[in-house]
């Protein structure tokens, strides 16, 4: 999975798990903040990634979202259960899983075969 979508998924997951509005996500691997605007609710997501200059939108039921990343032209899924989440990136053809702990989000990207950390 590309760094941008992975960071935005961390942002969305943290927003859903904690219920707090956020304005950015810090990507430790990239060493930079990504500014994000828009809204994240249990059944609807509409955010704009200012770093990549693209929208990410989607909808679904509580716990399951189907998202579309306009920058990649690819669908993603996001399933949230408590502080844990998982999903699939149709653009890269890879699964991911992760968890939210306070202001820290950890994602394991199965396509990359490694962990990535974010602060929100």
N, C-alpha and C. Protein backbone atom coordinates (compact mmCIF):
# COMPACT_ATOMS: atom_id res chain seq x y z
N UNK A 1 0.83 -1.17 0.00
CA UNK A 1 0.00 0.00 0.00
C UNK A 1 0.89 1.24 0.00
N UNK A 2 0.46 2.26 -0.71
CA UNK A 2 1.22 3.51 -0.78
C UNK A 2 1.16 4.25 0.56
N UNK A 3 2.17 5.06 0.86
CA UNK A 3 2.20 5.78 2.14
C UNK A 3 1.00 6.68 2.40
N UNK A 4 0.56 7.42 1.39
CA UNK A 4 -0.56 8.34 1.58
C UNK A 4 -1.84 7.66 2.03
N UNK A 5 -2.32 6.67 1.28
CA UNK A 5 -3.54 5.98 1.71
C UNK A 5 -3.40 5.31 3.08
N UNK A 6 -2.23 4.77 3.36
CA UNK A 6 -2.01 4.12 4.66
C UNK A 6 -2.16 5.14 5.79
N UNK A 7 -1.58 6.33 5.62
CA UNK A 7 -1.68 7.38 6.64
C UNK A 7 -3.12 7.86 6.80
N UNK A 8 -3.84 7.99 5.70
CA UNK A 8 -5.24 8.42 5.77
C UNK A 8 -6.10 7.36 6.45
N UNK A 9 -5.82 6.09 6.20
CA UNK A 9 -6.55 5.03 6.91
C UNK A 9 -6.28 5.10 8.41
N UNK A 10 -5.05 5.42 8.80
CA UNK A 10 -4.74 5.59 10.23
C UNK A 10 -5.55 6.75 10.80
N UNK A 11 -5.65 7.84 10.05
CA UNK A 11 -6.42 9.01 10.46
C UNK A 11 -7.90 8.64 10.64
N UNK A 12 -8.47 7.96 9.66
CA UNK A 12 -9.89 7.60 9.71
C UNK A 12 -10.15 6.63 10.86
N UNK A 13 -9.31 5.61 11.00
CA UNK A 13 -9.49 4.62 12.07
C UNK A 13 -9.43 5.30 13.44
N UNK A 14 -8.45 6.17 13.65
CA UNK A 14 -8.33 6.87 14.93
C UNK A 14 -9.55 7.74 15.20
N UNK A 15 -10.06 8.41 14.18
CA UNK A 15 -11.24 9.25 14.34
C UNK A 15 -12.45 8.41 14.73
N UNK A 16 -12.61 7.25 14.11
CA UNK A 16 -13.74 6.37 14.43
C UNK A 16 -13.62 5.77 15.83
N UNK A 17 -12.43 5.31 16.18
CA UNK A 17 -12.23 4.65 17.48
C UNK A 17 -12.39 5.63 18.63
N UNK A 18 -11.79 6.81 18.51
CA UNK A 18 -11.81 7.76 19.63
C UNK A 18 -13.00 8.71 19.60
N UNK A 19 -13.60 8.90 18.43
CA UNK A 19 -14.70 9.84 18.31
C UNK A 19 -14.27 11.30 18.33
N UNK A 20 -12.98 11.55 18.23
CA UNK A 20 -12.47 12.92 18.26
C UNK A 20 -12.16 13.42 16.85
N UNK A 21 -12.44 14.72 16.63
CA UNK A 21 -12.10 15.36 15.35
C UNK A 21 -10.61 15.63 15.32
N UNK A 22 -10.02 15.41 14.20
CA UNK A 22 -8.58 15.61 14.03
C UNK A 22 -8.33 16.46 12.79
N UNK A 23 -7.13 17.07 12.72
CA UNK A 23 -6.79 17.91 11.58
C UNK A 23 -5.55 17.43 10.85
N UNK A 24 -4.86 16.43 11.42
CA UNK A 24 -3.65 15.94 10.77
C UNK A 24 -3.29 14.56 11.30
N UNK A 25 -2.38 13.94 10.59
CA UNK A 25 -1.80 12.67 11.02
C UNK A 25 -0.29 12.77 10.78
N UNK A 26 0.49 12.33 11.76
CA UNK A 26 1.94 12.34 11.60
C UNK A 26 2.40 10.95 11.22
N UNK A 27 3.10 10.85 10.11
CA UNK A 27 3.61 9.59 9.58
C UNK A 27 5.08 9.47 9.99
N UNK A 28 5.38 8.56 10.93
CA UNK A 28 6.76 8.41 11.41
C UNK A 28 7.70 7.92 10.32
N UNK A 29 7.23 7.07 9.42
CA UNK A 29 8.09 6.57 8.34
C UNK A 29 8.45 7.68 7.36
N UNK A 30 7.50 8.57 7.09
CA UNK A 30 7.72 9.69 6.18
C UNK A 30 8.34 10.89 6.88
N UNK A 31 8.19 10.95 8.20
CA UNK A 31 8.73 12.06 8.98
C UNK A 31 8.02 13.37 8.74
N UNK A 32 6.69 13.31 8.50
CA UNK A 32 5.96 14.55 8.26
C UNK A 32 4.48 14.42 8.63
N UNK A 33 3.87 15.59 8.84
CA UNK A 33 2.43 15.67 9.07
C UNK A 33 1.70 15.72 7.74
N UNK A 34 0.52 15.12 7.72
CA UNK A 34 -0.39 15.25 6.60
C UNK A 34 -1.60 16.00 7.11
N UNK A 35 -1.91 17.13 6.52
CA UNK A 35 -3.11 17.87 6.89
C UNK A 35 -4.32 17.22 6.24
N UNK A 36 -5.37 17.07 7.03
CA UNK A 36 -6.58 16.41 6.55
C UNK A 36 -7.78 17.23 6.99
N UNK A 37 -8.70 17.49 6.09
CA UNK A 37 -9.93 18.19 6.46
C UNK A 37 -11.12 17.33 6.04
N UNK A 38 -12.27 17.61 6.63
CA UNK A 38 -13.48 16.87 6.31
C UNK A 38 -14.10 16.25 7.54
N UNK A 39 -14.91 15.22 7.32
CA UNK A 39 -15.62 14.60 8.43
C UNK A 39 -15.53 13.08 8.37
N UNK A 40 -15.51 12.49 9.58
CA UNK A 40 -15.48 11.04 9.72
C UNK A 40 -16.56 10.67 10.73
N UNK A 41 -17.54 9.90 10.29
CA UNK A 41 -18.61 9.40 11.15
C UNK A 41 -18.70 7.90 10.97
N UNK A 42 -19.44 7.24 11.87
CA UNK A 42 -19.54 5.78 11.84
C UNK A 42 -20.03 5.24 10.49
N UNK A 43 -20.91 5.96 9.81
CA UNK A 43 -21.45 5.47 8.55
C UNK A 43 -21.05 6.24 7.32
N UNK A 44 -20.23 7.30 7.50
CA UNK A 44 -19.88 8.13 6.35
C UNK A 44 -18.52 8.81 6.55
N UNK A 45 -17.71 8.80 5.49
CA UNK A 45 -16.40 9.46 5.50
C UNK A 45 -16.30 10.36 4.29
N UNK A 46 -15.84 11.59 4.52
CA UNK A 46 -15.56 12.51 3.43
C UNK A 46 -14.41 13.40 3.88
N UNK A 47 -13.19 13.04 3.48
CA UNK A 47 -12.01 13.79 3.88
C UNK A 47 -11.18 14.18 2.67
N UNK A 48 -10.33 15.18 2.88
CA UNK A 48 -9.42 15.64 1.83
C UNK A 48 -8.01 15.60 2.37
N UNK A 49 -7.13 14.89 1.68
CA UNK A 49 -5.72 14.79 2.03
C UNK A 49 -4.98 15.92 1.32
N UNK A 50 -4.60 16.95 2.08
CA UNK A 50 -3.94 18.12 1.48
C UNK A 50 -2.54 17.81 0.96
N UNK A 51 -1.90 16.78 1.52
CA UNK A 51 -0.55 16.42 1.05
C UNK A 51 -0.57 15.79 -0.34
N UNK A 52 -1.54 14.90 -0.57
CA UNK A 52 -1.65 14.25 -1.87
C UNK A 52 -2.64 14.96 -2.79
N UNK A 53 -3.39 15.93 -2.25
CA UNK A 53 -4.35 16.69 -3.06
C UNK A 53 -5.49 15.87 -3.58
N UNK A 54 -6.09 15.04 -2.71
CA UNK A 54 -7.19 14.19 -3.18
C UNK A 54 -8.22 13.91 -2.09
N UNK A 55 -9.41 13.57 -2.55
CA UNK A 55 -10.52 13.21 -1.66
C UNK A 55 -10.53 11.71 -1.39
N UNK A 56 -11.03 11.36 -0.20
CA UNK A 56 -11.30 9.97 0.16
C UNK A 56 -12.71 9.98 0.73
N UNK A 57 -13.61 9.25 0.12
CA UNK A 57 -14.99 9.23 0.58
C UNK A 57 -15.47 7.80 0.71
N UNK A 58 -16.56 7.64 1.44
CA UNK A 58 -17.13 6.32 1.57
C UNK A 58 -18.28 6.29 2.54
N UNK A 59 -18.91 5.13 2.61
CA UNK A 59 -20.03 4.95 3.51
C UNK A 59 -20.14 3.49 3.89
N UNK A 60 -21.04 3.20 4.79
CA UNK A 60 -21.25 1.83 5.22
C UNK A 60 -22.04 1.78 6.49
N UNK A 61 -22.03 0.64 7.10
CA UNK A 61 -22.71 0.46 8.37
C UNK A 61 -21.70 0.63 9.50
N UNK A 62 -22.20 0.71 10.70
CA UNK A 62 -21.30 0.83 11.85
C UNK A 62 -20.32 -0.34 11.85
N UNK A 63 -19.04 -0.04 11.83
CA UNK A 63 -18.03 -1.09 11.86
C UNK A 63 -17.48 -1.50 10.51
N UNK A 64 -18.19 -1.18 9.42
CA UNK A 64 -17.70 -1.55 8.09
C UNK A 64 -17.89 -0.40 7.13
N UNK A 65 -16.79 0.06 6.53
CA UNK A 65 -16.85 1.13 5.55
C UNK A 65 -16.24 0.68 4.23
N UNK A 66 -16.86 1.14 3.15
CA UNK A 66 -16.32 0.96 1.81
C UNK A 66 -15.88 2.35 1.37
N UNK A 67 -14.58 2.51 1.10
CA UNK A 67 -14.01 3.81 0.79
C UNK A 67 -13.50 3.86 -0.65
N UNK A 68 -13.39 5.09 -1.17
CA UNK A 68 -12.80 5.28 -2.48
C UNK A 68 -11.75 6.39 -2.38
N UNK A 69 -10.53 6.09 -2.82
CA UNK A 69 -9.42 7.05 -2.80
C UNK A 69 -9.30 7.61 -4.21
N UNK A 70 -9.70 8.88 -4.39
CA UNK A 70 -9.72 9.48 -5.71
C UNK A 70 -8.33 9.68 -6.30
N UNK A 71 -7.33 9.86 -5.46
CA UNK A 71 -5.96 10.02 -5.94
C UNK A 71 -5.43 8.76 -6.60
N UNK A 72 -5.77 7.61 -6.03
CA UNK A 72 -5.34 6.33 -6.58
C UNK A 72 -6.33 5.75 -7.57
N UNK A 73 -7.57 6.20 -7.47
CA UNK A 73 -8.63 5.60 -8.28
C UNK A 73 -8.88 4.17 -7.82
N UNK A 74 -8.85 3.96 -6.49
CA UNK A 74 -8.98 2.59 -5.96
C UNK A 74 -9.90 2.56 -4.74
N UNK A 75 -10.55 1.43 -4.58
CA UNK A 75 -11.42 1.18 -3.43
C UNK A 75 -10.60 0.59 -2.28
N UNK A 76 -11.08 0.87 -1.06
CA UNK A 76 -10.49 0.30 0.16
C UNK A 76 -11.64 -0.09 1.08
N UNK A 77 -11.41 -1.08 1.91
CA UNK A 77 -12.39 -1.41 2.94
C UNK A 77 -11.76 -1.14 4.30
N UNK A 78 -12.61 -0.84 5.27
CA UNK A 78 -12.16 -0.60 6.64
C UNK A 78 -13.20 -1.17 7.59
N UNK A 79 -12.79 -2.17 8.37
CA UNK A 79 -13.64 -2.78 9.39
C UNK A 79 -13.06 -2.45 10.75
N UNK A 80 -13.89 -1.85 11.61
CA UNK A 80 -13.44 -1.43 12.94
C UNK A 80 -14.23 -2.19 14.00
N UNK A 81 -13.50 -2.76 14.97
CA UNK A 81 -14.11 -3.47 16.10
C UNK A 81 -13.35 -3.06 17.36
N UNK A 82 -13.94 -2.19 18.17
CA UNK A 82 -13.23 -1.68 19.34
C UNK A 82 -12.07 -0.83 18.88
N UNK A 83 -10.89 -1.09 19.40
CA UNK A 83 -9.69 -0.34 19.02
C UNK A 83 -8.94 -1.02 17.87
N UNK A 84 -9.44 -2.16 17.40
CA UNK A 84 -8.80 -2.92 16.32
C UNK A 84 -9.47 -2.59 14.98
N UNK A 85 -8.71 -2.68 13.91
CA UNK A 85 -9.28 -2.50 12.58
C UNK A 85 -8.51 -3.34 11.57
N UNK A 86 -9.14 -3.54 10.43
CA UNK A 86 -8.51 -4.29 9.35
C UNK A 86 -9.20 -3.92 8.05
N UNK A 87 -8.59 -4.29 6.94
CA UNK A 87 -9.22 -3.99 5.67
C UNK A 87 -8.39 -4.46 4.49
N UNK A 88 -8.81 -4.01 3.33
CA UNK A 88 -8.18 -4.43 2.08
C UNK A 88 -8.05 -3.22 1.16
N UNK A 89 -6.89 -3.09 0.53
CA UNK A 89 -6.62 -2.05 -0.45
C UNK A 89 -6.66 -2.68 -1.83
N UNK A 90 -7.70 -2.38 -2.58
CA UNK A 90 -7.85 -2.97 -3.91
C UNK A 90 -6.81 -2.43 -4.89
N UNK A 91 -6.27 -1.24 -4.63
CA UNK A 91 -5.25 -0.67 -5.51
C UNK A 91 -3.96 -1.46 -5.50
N UNK A 92 -3.51 -1.83 -4.30
CA UNK A 92 -2.26 -2.58 -4.18
C UNK A 92 -2.51 -4.08 -4.07
N UNK A 93 -3.77 -4.46 -3.85
CA UNK A 93 -4.09 -5.87 -3.69
C UNK A 93 -3.57 -6.45 -2.39
N UNK A 94 -3.57 -5.62 -1.32
CA UNK A 94 -3.02 -6.11 -0.06
C UNK A 94 -3.94 -5.82 1.12
N UNK A 95 -3.87 -6.71 2.09
CA UNK A 95 -4.61 -6.57 3.34
C UNK A 95 -3.78 -5.73 4.31
N UNK A 96 -4.46 -5.18 5.31
CA UNK A 96 -3.79 -4.47 6.39
C UNK A 96 -4.59 -4.68 7.67
N UNK A 97 -3.94 -4.50 8.80
CA UNK A 97 -4.64 -4.56 10.09
C UNK A 97 -3.93 -3.59 11.02
N UNK A 98 -4.61 -3.23 12.10
CA UNK A 98 -3.99 -2.30 13.02
C UNK A 98 -4.79 -2.09 14.27
N UNK A 99 -4.28 -1.19 15.11
CA UNK A 99 -4.99 -0.84 16.33
C UNK A 99 -4.67 0.59 16.72
N UNK A 100 -5.60 1.16 17.49
CA UNK A 100 -5.48 2.53 17.99
C UNK A 100 -5.26 2.46 19.48
N UNK A 101 -4.25 3.16 19.97
CA UNK A 101 -3.97 3.22 21.41
C UNK A 101 -3.68 4.67 21.76
N UNK A 102 -4.68 5.35 22.33
CA UNK A 102 -4.53 6.77 22.63
C UNK A 102 -4.38 7.56 21.35
N UNK A 103 -3.28 8.27 21.21
CA UNK A 103 -3.01 9.06 20.01
C UNK A 103 -2.10 8.34 19.02
N UNK A 104 -1.84 7.06 19.25
CA UNK A 104 -0.94 6.29 18.39
C UNK A 104 -1.73 5.25 17.60
N UNK A 105 -1.42 5.16 16.33
CA UNK A 105 -2.02 4.15 15.46
C UNK A 105 -0.90 3.32 14.86
N UNK A 106 -1.04 2.00 14.94
CA UNK A 106 -0.08 1.08 14.34
C UNK A 106 -0.79 0.28 13.27
N UNK A 107 -0.20 0.22 12.10
CA UNK A 107 -0.76 -0.55 10.98
C UNK A 107 0.27 -1.57 10.53
N UNK A 108 -0.20 -2.82 10.35
CA UNK A 108 0.63 -3.83 9.70
C UNK A 108 0.14 -3.94 8.26
N UNK A 109 1.01 -3.65 7.33
CA UNK A 109 0.71 -3.71 5.90
C UNK A 109 1.22 -5.05 5.38
N UNK A 110 0.30 -5.95 5.06
CA UNK A 110 0.69 -7.29 4.60
C UNK A 110 1.43 -7.25 3.27
N UNK A 111 1.12 -6.28 2.42
CA UNK A 111 1.83 -6.14 1.14
C UNK A 111 3.28 -5.76 1.33
N UNK A 112 3.54 -4.87 2.29
CA UNK A 112 4.90 -4.44 2.59
C UNK A 112 5.60 -5.40 3.54
N UNK A 113 4.81 -6.12 4.33
CA UNK A 113 5.38 -7.06 5.29
C UNK A 113 6.01 -6.38 6.49
N UNK A 114 5.46 -5.19 6.87
CA UNK A 114 6.01 -4.50 8.03
C UNK A 114 4.98 -3.58 8.69
N UNK A 115 5.38 -3.10 9.90
CA UNK A 115 4.54 -2.21 10.70
C UNK A 115 4.86 -0.76 10.39
N UNK A 116 3.83 0.09 10.53
CA UNK A 116 3.97 1.53 10.36
C UNK A 116 3.25 2.21 11.51
N UNK A 117 3.85 3.30 12.04
CA UNK A 117 3.24 4.02 13.17
C UNK A 117 2.88 5.45 12.79
N UNK A 118 1.79 5.91 13.42
CA UNK A 118 1.27 7.24 13.17
C UNK A 118 0.84 7.87 14.48
N UNK A 119 0.90 9.18 14.55
CA UNK A 119 0.39 9.93 15.68
C UNK A 119 -0.74 10.83 15.17
N UNK A 120 -1.83 10.85 15.92
CA UNK A 120 -2.98 11.68 15.52
C UNK A 120 -3.37 12.63 16.62
